[in-house]
Amino acid sequence: MTTLTPVHFFSHGSTMMLGEESTSADYWKACGDLALSHNIKGVIMMGAHWDAAGDAIEVATNPSPAKSPLAYVHPDKYVNYKLNPDLKTAERVLGMLKKDGFAARENKEFDWIHDTFLILIRMFPSGCPPTTLISMNARFDPHFHLKVGSCIRPLRKENYLIIGTGGAVHNLYRNNWKPMMAYRDNFAQPVPPGAWALEFRQAFEDVMTRGCGPRLRRAVTRLMKHPLYRDAHGTDDHFMSAMFVAGACGDEEDAGVEGVLGAETWELSHMCNSQFTLGYWGQMIKAT
């Protein structure tokens, strides 16, 4: 028998999710502790703030990446955290993508952005594990990103942890920014979440928690046709990592495995940061 690692979809939220405590932050830490207890080889991530133009997809190979500055977060929270790019695995991922027909290329200059290093700091505060970052493609084709996740899925059998970071409900145009900008309070809810946000949030939870396998791939893709999708996502960038995750947990071997909503944090009135884990440590499949 072969075991598979779980797959995480994490809503990273605003930059202040690094500076302020929340149930989501507690869940990220718990997931990181569990991953370390199982001696993961490394982390493979797709975020929401890096995309490649044309037909391309990129893999980060900068050996000493900088971090983008974080608004509303004290530098002590992130400046001294040492990133750990996994160049060996990056080359391997590049080869896997090319073999599957992707126009994959390395990016030796890419500096990391908060969508990924915020999660890594929260999960692994004592030190960053070897990590490989994969870009999105700027056309935001859902099937393309499903296939990327499917392509690297075999690495789950080798004890790599796959993470997609984006947002369950993430429409910056409709957020209530005043409490954060005026009072540094990202969790203030002067008004309740909009009905559009609550409805799409529920649809997303239903899809992510009702079983993995091929049905998950179909269901996540179908969410982009939901009548409230464009209300919940003003742009597609924060949804592509959900496609990536569905690809990585959407094989026939994953059928029947459930997803779990581990934590949830609302910000800026209408932004829902839901945290999901698909599969579980010790998930068994028949060896082929």
C-alpha atoms as a PDB file:
ATOM      1  CA  MET A   1       0.000   0.000   0.000  1.00  0.00           C
ATOM      2  CA  THR A   2       1.061   3.611  -0.704  1.00  0.00           C
ATOM      3  CA  THR A   3       0.176   6.622   1.402  1.00  0.00           C
ATOM      4  CA  LEU A   4      -0.766  10.102   0.196  1.00  0.00           C
ATOM      5  CA  THR A   5      -0.251  13.405   1.922  1.00  0.00           C
ATOM      6  CA  PRO A   6      -3.278  15.684   2.349  1.00  0.00           C
ATOM      7  CA  VAL A   7      -3.740  18.797   0.230  1.00  0.00           C
ATOM      8  CA  HIS A   8      -4.580  22.226   1.656  1.00  0.00           C
ATOM      9  CA  PHE A   9      -6.537  25.118   0.216  1.00  0.00           C
ATOM     10  CA  PHE A  10      -5.836  28.146   2.387  1.00  0.00           C
ATOM     11  CA  SER A  11      -7.436  31.577   2.046  1.00  0.00           C
ATOM     12  CA  HIS A  12      -4.537  33.862   2.919  1.00  0.00           C
ATOM     13  CA  GLY A  13      -6.655  37.011   3.316  1.00  0.00           C
ATOM     14  CA  SER A  14      -5.167  40.457   3.761  1.00  0.00           C
ATOM     15  CA  THR A  15      -1.591  41.156   4.806  1.00  0.00           C
ATOM     16  CA  MET A  16      -2.844  41.700   8.362  1.00  0.00           C
ATOM     17  CA  MET A  17      -3.553  37.975   8.681  1.00  0.00           C
ATOM     18  CA  LEU A  18       0.160  37.702   9.462  1.00  0.00           C
ATOM     19  CA  GLY A  19       0.133  40.398  12.121  1.00  0.00           C
ATOM     20  CA  GLU A  20      -3.139  39.600  13.919  1.00  0.00           C
ATOM     21  CA  GLU A  21      -4.139  36.416  15.707  1.00  0.00           C
ATOM     22  CA  SER A  22      -7.098  34.408  14.431  1.00  0.00           C
ATOM     23  CA  THR A  23      -8.554  30.916  14.313  1.00  0.00           C
ATOM     24  CA  SER A  24      -7.184  30.627  10.775  1.00  0.00           C
ATOM     25  CA  ALA A  25      -3.677  31.377  12.031  1.00  0.00           C
ATOM     26  CA  ASP A  26      -4.106  28.714  14.721  1.00  0.00           C
ATOM     27  CA  TYR A  27      -5.211  26.203  12.091  1.00  0.00           C
ATOM     28  CA  TRP A  28      -2.282  27.000   9.799  1.00  0.00           C
ATOM     29  CA  LYS A  29       0.096  26.390  12.704  1.00  0.00           C
ATOM     30  CA  ALA A  30      -1.622  23.112  13.602  1.00  0.00           C
ATOM     31  CA  CYS A  31      -1.357  21.939   9.971  1.00  0.00           C
ATOM     32  CA  GLY A  32       2.311  22.873   9.907  1.00  0.00           C
ATOM     33  CA  ASP A  33       3.027  21.012  13.138  1.00  0.00           C
ATOM     34  CA  LEU A  34       1.291  17.928  11.786  1.00  0.00           C
ATOM     35  CA  ALA A  35       3.234  18.108   8.529  1.00  0.00           C
ATOM     36  CA  LEU A  36       6.543  18.334  10.395  1.00  0.00           C
ATOM     37  CA  SER A  37       5.571  15.398  12.599  1.00  0.00           C
ATOM     38  CA  HIS A  38       5.225  13.359   9.394  1.00  0.00           C
ATOM     39  CA  ASN A  39       8.657  14.462   8.149  1.00  0.00           C
ATOM     40  CA  ILE A  40       7.552  16.079   4.896  1.00  0.00           C
ATOM     41  CA  LYS A  41      10.181  16.350   2.180  1.00  0.00           C
ATOM     42  CA  GLY A  42       8.988  19.798   1.208  1.00  0.00           C
ATOM     43  CA  VAL A  43       6.123  22.074   0.278  1.00  0.00           C
ATOM     44  CA  ILE A  44       4.826  22.801  -3.228  1.00  0.00           C
ATOM     45  CA  MET A  45       2.638  25.900  -3.526  1.00  0.00           C
ATOM     46  CA  MET A  46       0.573  27.858  -5.994  1.00  0.00           C
ATOM     47  CA  GLY A  47      -0.502  31.283  -4.805  1.00  0.00           C
ATOM     48  CA  ALA A  48      -2.683  34.064  -6.168  1.00  0.00           C
ATOM     49  CA  HIS A  49      -0.269  36.931  -6.875  1.00  0.00           C
ATOM     50  CA  TRP A  50       2.053  35.534  -9.550  1.00  0.00           C
ATOM     51  CA  ASP A  51       1.052  34.646 -13.094  1.00  0.00           C
ATOM     52  CA  ALA A  52       2.897  34.040 -16.337  1.00  0.00           C
ATOM     53  CA  ALA A  53       1.861  35.591 -19.638  1.00  0.00           C
ATOM     54  CA  GLY A  54       0.957  33.835 -22.858  1.00  0.00           C
ATOM     55  CA  ASP A  55       0.821  30.047 -22.629  1.00  0.00           C
ATOM     56  CA  ALA A  56       3.560  29.834 -20.031  1.00  0.00           C
ATOM     57  CA  ILE A  57       3.742  28.656 -16.469  1.00  0.00           C
ATOM     58  CA  GLU A  58       6.775  29.385 -14.322  1.00  0.00           C
ATOM     59  CA  VAL A  59       8.572  27.758 -11.423  1.00  0.00           C
ATOM     60  CA  ALA A  60      10.583  29.911  -9.024  1.00  0.00           C
ATOM     61  CA  THR A  61      14.318  29.186  -9.019  1.00  0.00           C
ATOM     62  CA  ASN A  62      15.679  32.307  -7.347  1.00  0.00           C
ATOM     63  CA  PRO A  63      18.141  30.892  -4.772  1.00  0.00           C
ATOM     64  CA  SER A  64      17.855  33.948  -2.498  1.00  0.00           C
ATOM     65  CA  PRO A  65      14.402  35.481  -2.953  1.00  0.00           C
ATOM     66  CA  ALA A  66      13.422  38.690  -1.227  1.00  0.00           C
ATOM     67  CA  LYS A  67       9.985  39.259   0.275  1.00  0.00           C
ATOM     68  CA  SER A  68       7.547  41.896  -0.869  1.00  0.00           C
ATOM     69  CA  PRO A  69       6.810  44.479   1.858  1.00  0.00           C
ATOM     70  CA  LEU A  70       3.628  43.983   3.880  1.00  0.00           C
ATOM     71  CA  ALA A  71       1.318  46.910   4.566  1.00  0.00           C
ATOM     72  CA  TYR A  72      -0.078  47.176   8.104  1.00  0.00           C
ATOM     73  CA  VAL A  73       2.302  44.492   9.459  1.00  0.00           C
ATOM     74  CA  HIS A  74       5.317  45.246  11.647  1.00  0.00           C
ATOM     75  CA  PRO A  75       8.559  44.230   9.879  1.00  0.00           C
ATOM     76  CA  ASP A  76       9.545  42.088  12.872  1.00  0.00           C
ATOM     77  CA  LYS A  77       6.813  39.665  11.845  1.00  0.00           C
ATOM     78  CA  TYR A  78       8.470  38.690   8.560  1.00  0.00           C
ATOM     79  CA  VAL A  79      11.690  40.491   7.589  1.00  0.00           C
ATOM     80  CA  ASN A  80      14.053  38.102   9.387  1.00  0.00           C
ATOM     81  CA  TYR A  81      12.234  34.912   8.372  1.00  0.00           C
ATOM     82  CA  LYS A  82      14.571  32.951   6.098  1.00  0.00           C
ATOM     83  CA  LEU A  83      12.923  31.502   3.011  1.00  0.00           C
ATOM     84  CA  ASN A  84      14.066  28.101   1.785  1.00  0.00           C
ATOM     85  CA  PRO A  85      13.606  27.662  -1.973  1.00  0.00           C
ATOM     86  CA  ASP A  86      13.893  24.015  -2.987  1.00  0.00           C
ATOM     87  CA  LEU A  87      15.833  24.302  -6.240  1.00  0.00           C
ATOM     88  CA  LYS A  88      16.229  20.562  -6.712  1.00  0.00           C
ATOM     89  CA  THR A  89      12.489  19.938  -6.498  1.00  0.00           C
ATOM     90  CA  ALA A  90      11.836  23.017  -8.633  1.00  0.00           C
ATOM     91  CA  GLU A  91      13.871  21.455 -11.440  1.00  0.00           C
ATOM     92  CA  ARG A  92      11.967  18.230 -11.012  1.00  0.00           C
ATOM     93  CA  VAL A  93       8.597  20.012 -11.135  1.00  0.00           C
ATOM     94  CA  LEU A  94       9.725  21.826 -14.276  1.00  0.00           C
ATOM     95  CA  GLY A  95      10.509  18.484 -15.880  1.00  0.00           C
ATOM     96  CA  MET A  96       7.139  17.033 -14.897  1.00  0.00           C
ATOM     97  CA  LEU A  97       5.279  20.013 -16.329  1.00  0.00           C
ATOM     98  CA  LYS A  98       7.222  19.935 -19.591  1.00  0.00           C
ATOM     99  CA  LYS A  99       6.661  16.207 -19.929  1.00  0.00           C
ATOM    100  CA  ASP A 100       2.906  16.825 -19.655  1.00  0.00           C
ATOM    101  CA  GLY A 101       3.038  19.406 -22.433  1.00  0.00           C
ATOM    102  CA  PHE A 102       3.125  22.663 -20.480  1.00  0.00           C
ATOM    103  CA  ALA A 103       5.214  25.587 -21.703  1.00  0.00           C
ATOM    104  CA  ALA A 104       7.026  25.608 -18.379  1.00  0.00           C
ATOM    105  CA  ARG A 105      10.079  27.705 -17.653  1.00  0.00           C
ATOM    106  CA  GLU A 106      12.108  28.706 -14.642  1.00  0.00           C
ATOM    107  CA  ASN A 107      12.124  32.194 -13.178  1.00  0.00           C
ATOM    108  CA  LYS A 108      15.459  32.953 -11.537  1.00  0.00           C
ATOM    109  CA  GLU A 109      14.494  36.450 -10.389  1.00  0.00           C
ATOM    110  CA  PHE A 110      11.086  36.007  -8.775  1.00  0.00           C
ATOM    111  CA  ASP A 111      10.762  37.413  -5.245  1.00  0.00           C
ATOM    112  CA  TRP A 112       8.169  35.886  -2.979  1.00  0.00           C
ATOM    113  CA  ILE A 113       4.863  37.580  -2.149  1.00  0.00           C
ATOM    114  CA  HIS A 114       2.685  37.441   0.946  1.00  0.00           C
ATOM    115  CA  ASP A 115       0.225  34.940  -0.522  1.00  0.00           C
ATOM    116  CA  THR A 116       2.873  32.269   0.026  1.00  0.00           C
ATOM    117  CA  PHE A 117       5.331  33.444   2.665  1.00  0.00           C
ATOM    118  CA  LEU A 118       2.547  34.613   5.004  1.00  0.00           C
ATOM    119  CA  ILE A 119       1.248  31.034   5.075  1.00  0.00           C
ATOM    120  CA  LEU A 120       4.736  29.569   5.494  1.00  0.00           C
ATOM    121  CA  ILE A 121       5.530  31.837   8.440  1.00  0.00           C
ATOM    122  CA  ARG A 122       2.263  30.931  10.120  1.00  0.00           C
ATOM    123  CA  MET A 123       2.661  27.195   9.471  1.00  0.00           C
ATOM    124  CA  PHE A 124       6.366  26.893  10.194  1.00  0.00           C
ATOM    125  CA  PRO A 125       7.420  29.756  12.485  1.00  0.00           C
ATOM    126  CA  SER A 126      10.603  27.965  13.565  1.00  0.00           C
ATOM    127  CA  GLY A 127      11.913  27.585  10.036  1.00  0.00           C
ATOM    128  CA  CYS A 128      10.777  27.328   6.448  1.00  0.00           C
ATOM    129  CA  PRO A 129      10.837  23.815   4.964  1.00  0.00           C
ATOM    130  CA  PRO A 130      12.159  23.333   1.417  1.00  0.00           C
ATOM    131  CA  THR A 131       9.523  25.028  -0.746  1.00  0.00           C
ATOM    132  CA  THR A 132       8.751  25.146  -4.456  1.00  0.00           C
ATOM    133  CA  LEU A 133       6.521  27.878  -5.913  1.00  0.00           C
ATOM    134  CA  ILE A 134       4.541  27.453  -9.137  1.00  0.00           C
ATOM    135  CA  SER A 135       2.955  30.414 -10.909  1.00  0.00           C
ATOM    136  CA  MET A 136      -0.517  30.654 -12.357  1.00  0.00           C
ATOM    137  CA  ASN A 137      -1.095  31.337 -16.025  1.00  0.00           C
ATOM    138  CA  ALA A 138      -2.503  34.791 -16.725  1.00  0.00           C
ATOM    139  CA  ARG A 139      -5.349  33.506 -18.874  1.00  0.00           C
ATOM    140  CA  PHE A 140      -6.869  31.956 -15.729  1.00  0.00           C
ATOM    141  CA  ASP A 141      -8.223  28.919 -17.551  1.00  0.00           C
ATOM    142  CA  PRO A 142      -9.669  26.621 -14.858  1.00  0.00           C
ATOM    143  CA  HIS A 143      -8.909  23.424 -16.770  1.00  0.00           C
ATOM    144  CA  PHE A 144      -5.300  24.486 -17.293  1.00  0.00           C
ATOM    145  CA  HIS A 145      -4.793  24.896 -13.544  1.00  0.00           C
ATOM    146  CA  LEU A 146      -6.568  21.619 -12.794  1.00  0.00           C
ATOM    147  CA  LYS A 147      -4.082  19.897 -15.069  1.00  0.00           C
ATOM    148  CA  VAL A 148      -1.157  21.541 -13.278  1.00  0.00           C
ATOM    149  CA  GLY A 149      -2.376  20.111  -9.983  1.00  0.00           C
ATOM    150  CA  SER A 150      -2.932  16.730 -11.592  1.00  0.00           C
ATOM    151  CA  CYS A 151       0.562  16.793 -13.077  1.00  0.00           C
ATOM    152  CA  ILE A 152       2.300  17.175  -9.721  1.00  0.00           C
ATOM    153  CA  ARG A 153      -0.124  14.956  -7.795  1.00  0.00           C
ATOM    154  CA  PRO A 154       2.339  11.989  -7.815  1.00  0.00           C
ATOM    155  CA  LEU A 155       4.559  13.952  -5.440  1.00  0.00           C
ATOM    156  CA  ARG A 156       1.947  13.391  -2.735  1.00  0.00           C
ATOM    157  CA  LYS A 157       3.119   9.776  -2.754  1.00  0.00           C
ATOM    158  CA  GLU A 158       6.630  10.975  -1.900  1.00  0.00           C
ATOM    159  CA  ASN A 159       5.620  12.939   1.210  1.00  0.00           C
ATOM    160  CA  TYR A 160       5.478  16.400  -0.360  1.00  0.00           C
ATOM    161  CA  LEU A 161       2.772  18.744   0.985  1.00  0.00           C
ATOM    162  CA  ILE A 162       0.771  20.540  -1.728  1.00  0.00           C
ATOM    163  CA  ILE A 163      -0.856  23.864  -0.860  1.00  0.00           C
ATOM    164  CA  GLY A 164      -2.955  26.302  -2.856  1.00  0.00           C
ATOM    165  CA  THR A 165      -3.428  29.768  -1.391  1.00  0.00           C
ATOM    166  CA  GLY A 166      -6.164  32.082  -2.627  1.00  0.00           C
ATOM    167  CA  GLY A 167      -9.550  33.015  -1.243  1.00  0.00           C
ATOM    168  CA  ALA A 168     -12.984  31.492  -0.751  1.00  0.00           C
ATOM    169  CA  VAL A 169     -14.612  34.914  -1.151  1.00  0.00           C
ATOM    170  CA  HIS A 170     -12.125  37.543  -2.297  1.00  0.00           C
ATOM    171  CA  ASN A 171     -13.420  40.630  -4.077  1.00  0.00           C
ATOM    172  CA  LEU A 172     -11.258  43.619  -3.188  1.00  0.00           C
ATOM    173  CA  TYR A 173     -13.661  45.960  -4.977  1.00  0.00           C
ATOM    174  CA  ARG A 174     -16.463  45.166  -2.536  1.00  0.00           C
ATOM    175  CA  ASN A 175     -14.536  45.032   0.744  1.00  0.00           C
ATOM    176  CA  ASN A 176     -15.083  47.544   3.524  1.00  0.00           C
ATOM    177  CA  TRP A 177     -11.585  49.013   3.861  1.00  0.00           C
ATOM    178  CA  LYS A 178     -12.188  51.885   6.298  1.00  0.00           C
ATOM    179  CA  PRO A 179     -11.670  49.996   9.605  1.00  0.00           C
ATOM    180  CA  MET A 180      -8.378  48.582   8.384  1.00  0.00           C
ATOM    181  CA  MET A 181      -7.038  51.787   6.877  1.00  0.00           C
ATOM    182  CA  ALA A 182      -8.228  54.145   9.606  1.00  0.00           C
ATOM    183  CA  TYR A 183      -7.949  51.943  12.713  1.00  0.00           C
ATOM    184  CA  ARG A 184      -5.759  48.984  11.681  1.00  0.00           C
ATOM    185  CA  ASP A 185      -8.688  46.667  12.416  1.00  0.00           C
ATOM    186  CA  ASN A 186      -9.107  44.089   9.678  1.00  0.00           C
ATOM    187  CA  PHE A 187     -11.619  42.029  11.676  1.00  0.00           C
ATOM    188  CA  ALA A 188     -14.130  44.804  12.318  1.00  0.00           C
ATOM    189  CA  GLN A 189     -17.592  44.014  10.990  1.00  0.00           C
ATOM    190  CA  PRO A 190     -19.462  47.363  11.037  1.00  0.00           C
ATOM    191  CA  VAL A 191     -21.902  45.742   8.622  1.00  0.00           C
ATOM    192  CA  PRO A 192     -22.658  42.033   8.188  1.00  0.00           C
ATOM    193  CA  PRO A 193     -21.280  40.140   5.190  1.00  0.00           C
ATOM    194  CA  GLY A 194     -23.293  40.660   2.036  1.00  0.00           C
ATOM    195  CA  ALA A 195     -25.810  38.012   1.041  1.00  0.00           C
ATOM    196  CA  TRP A 196     -23.784  37.416  -2.122  1.00  0.00           C
ATOM    197  CA  ALA A 197     -20.703  36.620  -0.018  1.00  0.00           C
ATOM    198  CA  LEU A 198     -22.558  34.305   2.338  1.00  0.00           C
ATOM    199  CA  GLU A 199     -24.211  32.430  -0.508  1.00  0.00           C
ATOM    200  CA  PHE A 200     -21.009  31.832  -2.481  1.00  0.00           C
ATOM    201  CA  ARG A 201     -19.096  30.953   0.666  1.00  0.00           C
ATOM    202  CA  GLN A 202     -21.638  28.207   1.344  1.00  0.00           C
ATOM    203  CA  ALA A 203     -21.464  26.930  -2.216  1.00  0.00           C
ATOM    204  CA  PHE A 204     -17.681  26.755  -1.959  1.00  0.00           C
ATOM    205  CA  GLU A 205     -17.818  24.852   1.340  1.00  0.00           C
ATOM    206  CA  ASP A 206     -20.318  22.386  -0.119  1.00  0.00           C
ATOM    207  CA  VAL A 207     -18.000  21.650  -3.032  1.00  0.00           C
ATOM    208  CA  MET A 208     -14.842  21.315  -0.938  1.00  0.00           C
ATOM    209  CA  THR A 209     -16.285  19.063   1.773  1.00  0.00           C
ATOM    210  CA  ARG A 210     -18.421  16.575  -0.160  1.00  0.00           C
ATOM    211  CA  GLY A 211     -15.753  14.292  -1.464  1.00  0.00           C
ATOM    212  CA  CYS A 212     -12.605  14.375  -3.561  1.00  0.00           C
ATOM    213  CA  GLY A 213     -11.814  12.588  -6.798  1.00  0.00           C
ATOM    214  CA  PRO A 214     -13.140  13.464 -10.272  1.00  0.00           C
ATOM    215  CA  ARG A 215     -16.358  14.910  -8.860  1.00  0.00           C
ATOM    216  CA  LEU A 216     -14.296  17.544  -7.036  1.00  0.00           C
ATOM    217  CA  ARG A 217     -12.656  18.647 -10.282  1.00  0.00           C
ATOM    218  CA  ARG A 218     -16.027  18.990 -11.972  1.00  0.00           C
ATOM    219  CA  ALA A 219     -17.619  20.784  -9.028  1.00  0.00           C
ATOM    220  CA  VAL A 220     -14.845  23.347  -8.463  1.00  0.00           C
ATOM    221  CA  THR A 221     -14.775  24.179 -12.169  1.00  0.00           C
ATOM    222  CA  ARG A 222     -18.538  24.554 -12.193  1.00  0.00           C
ATOM    223  CA  LEU A 223     -18.348  27.145  -9.403  1.00  0.00           C
ATOM    224  CA  MET A 224     -17.001  29.640 -11.935  1.00  0.00           C
ATOM    225  CA  LYS A 225     -20.451  29.492 -13.539  1.00  0.00           C
ATOM    226  CA  HIS A 226     -22.218  30.139 -10.236  1.00  0.00           C
ATOM    227  CA  PRO A 227     -24.492  33.210 -10.591  1.00  0.00           C
ATOM    228  CA  LEU A 228     -22.667  34.924  -7.712  1.00  0.00           C
ATOM    229  CA  TYR A 229     -19.125  33.953  -8.708  1.00  0.00           C
ATOM    230  CA  ARG A 230     -18.256  37.373 -10.113  1.00  0.00           C
ATOM    231  CA  ASP A 231     -19.632  39.061  -6.984  1.00  0.00           C
ATOM    232  CA  ALA A 232     -17.445  36.838  -4.816  1.00  0.00           C
ATOM    233  CA  HIS A 233     -14.376  37.089  -7.075  1.00  0.00           C
ATOM    234  CA  GLY A 234     -13.910  40.384  -8.859  1.00  0.00           C
ATOM    235  CA  THR A 235     -10.922  38.778 -10.605  1.00  0.00           C
ATOM    236  CA  ASP A 236     -10.056  35.122 -11.164  1.00  0.00           C
ATOM    237  CA  ASP A 237      -6.582  35.086  -9.629  1.00  0.00           C
ATOM    238  CA  HIS A 238      -7.614  34.037  -6.118  1.00  0.00           C
ATOM    239  CA  PHE A 239      -9.668  31.119  -7.427  1.00  0.00           C
ATOM    240  CA  MET A 240      -7.084  29.404  -9.635  1.00  0.00           C
ATOM    241  CA  SER A 241      -5.315  27.809  -6.683  1.00  0.00           C
ATOM    242  CA  ALA A 242      -8.603  26.043  -5.862  1.00  0.00           C
ATOM    243  CA  MET A 243      -8.406  24.513  -9.333  1.00  0.00           C
ATOM    244  CA  PHE A 244      -4.797  23.532  -8.645  1.00  0.00           C
ATOM    245  CA  VAL A 245      -5.841  21.850  -5.393  1.00  0.00           C
ATOM    246  CA  ALA A 246      -8.749  20.057  -7.066  1.00  0.00           C
ATOM    247  CA  GLY A 247      -6.342  18.695  -9.657  1.00  0.00           C
ATOM    248  CA  ALA A 248      -3.976  17.474  -6.973  1.00  0.00           C
ATOM    249  CA  CYS A 249      -6.788  15.753  -5.062  1.00  0.00           C
ATOM    250  CA  GLY A 250      -9.054  14.782  -7.961  1.00  0.00           C
ATOM    251  CA  ASP A 251      -7.819  11.424  -9.140  1.00  0.00           C
ATOM    252  CA  GLU A 252      -9.892   8.230  -8.989  1.00  0.00           C
ATOM    253  CA  GLU A 253      -7.658   7.213  -6.081  1.00  0.00           C
ATOM    254  CA  ASP A 254      -9.030  10.197  -4.142  1.00  0.00           C
ATOM    255  CA  ALA A 255     -12.688   9.297  -4.678  1.00  0.00           C
ATOM    256  CA  GLY A 256     -14.625   9.116  -1.424  1.00  0.00           C
ATOM    257  CA  VAL A 257     -12.028  11.030   0.587  1.00  0.00           C
ATOM    258  CA  GLU A 258     -13.628  13.992   2.328  1.00  0.00           C
ATOM    259  CA  GLY A 259     -12.511  17.559   2.740  1.00  0.00           C
ATOM    260  CA  VAL A 260     -12.674  19.398   6.052  1.00  0.00           C
ATOM    261  CA  LEU A 261     -13.336  23.064   6.791  1.00  0.00           C
ATOM    262  CA  GLY A 262     -10.740  23.552   9.498  1.00  0.00           C
ATOM    263  CA  ALA A 263     -11.175  27.250  10.258  1.00  0.00           C
ATOM    264  CA  GLU A 264     -12.706  30.428   8.903  1.00  0.00           C
ATOM    265  CA  THR A 265     -12.056  34.122   9.403  1.00  0.00           C
ATOM    266  CA  TRP A 266     -13.995  37.051   7.979  1.00  0.00           C
ATOM    267  CA  GLU A 267     -12.175  40.281   7.177  1.00  0.00           C
ATOM    268  CA  LEU A 268     -13.154  43.664   5.815  1.00  0.00           C
ATOM    269  CA  SER A 269     -16.859  42.792   6.186  1.00  0.00           C
ATOM    270  CA  HIS A 270     -17.157  40.734   3.014  1.00  0.00           C
ATOM    271  CA  MET A 271     -13.924  38.719   2.613  1.00  0.00           C
ATOM    272  CA  CYS A 272     -14.230  35.108   3.737  1.00  0.00           C
ATOM    273  CA  ASN A 273     -10.990  33.305   4.555  1.00  0.00           C
ATOM    274  CA  SER A 274     -11.948  29.626   4.646  1.00  0.00           C
ATOM    275  CA  GLN A 275      -9.279  27.013   5.353  1.00  0.00           C
ATOM    276  CA  PHE A 276      -9.736  23.523   3.890  1.00  0.00           C
ATOM    277  CA  THR A 277      -7.840  20.253   4.132  1.00  0.00           C
ATOM    278  CA  LEU A 278      -8.535  17.545   1.556  1.00  0.00           C
ATOM    279  CA  GLY A 279      -7.492  14.050   2.479  1.00  0.00           C
ATOM    280  CA  TYR A 280      -5.616  13.078   5.608  1.00  0.00           C
ATOM    281  CA  TRP A 281      -2.253  11.865   6.816  1.00  0.00           C
ATOM    282  CA  GLY A 282      -1.997   8.158   6.239  1.00  0.00           C
ATOM    283  CA  GLN A 283      -4.517   8.055   3.391  1.00  0.00           C
ATOM    284  CA  MET A 284      -3.951   4.645   1.859  1.00  0.00           C
ATOM    285  CA  ILE A 285      -4.148   3.689  -1.807  1.00  0.00           C
ATOM    286  CA  LYS A 286      -3.362   0.442  -3.568  1.00  0.00           C
ATOM    287  CA  ALA A 287       0.135   0.298  -4.967  1.00  0.00           C
ATOM    288  CA  THR A 288       0.280   0.019  -8.754  1.00  0.00           C
END
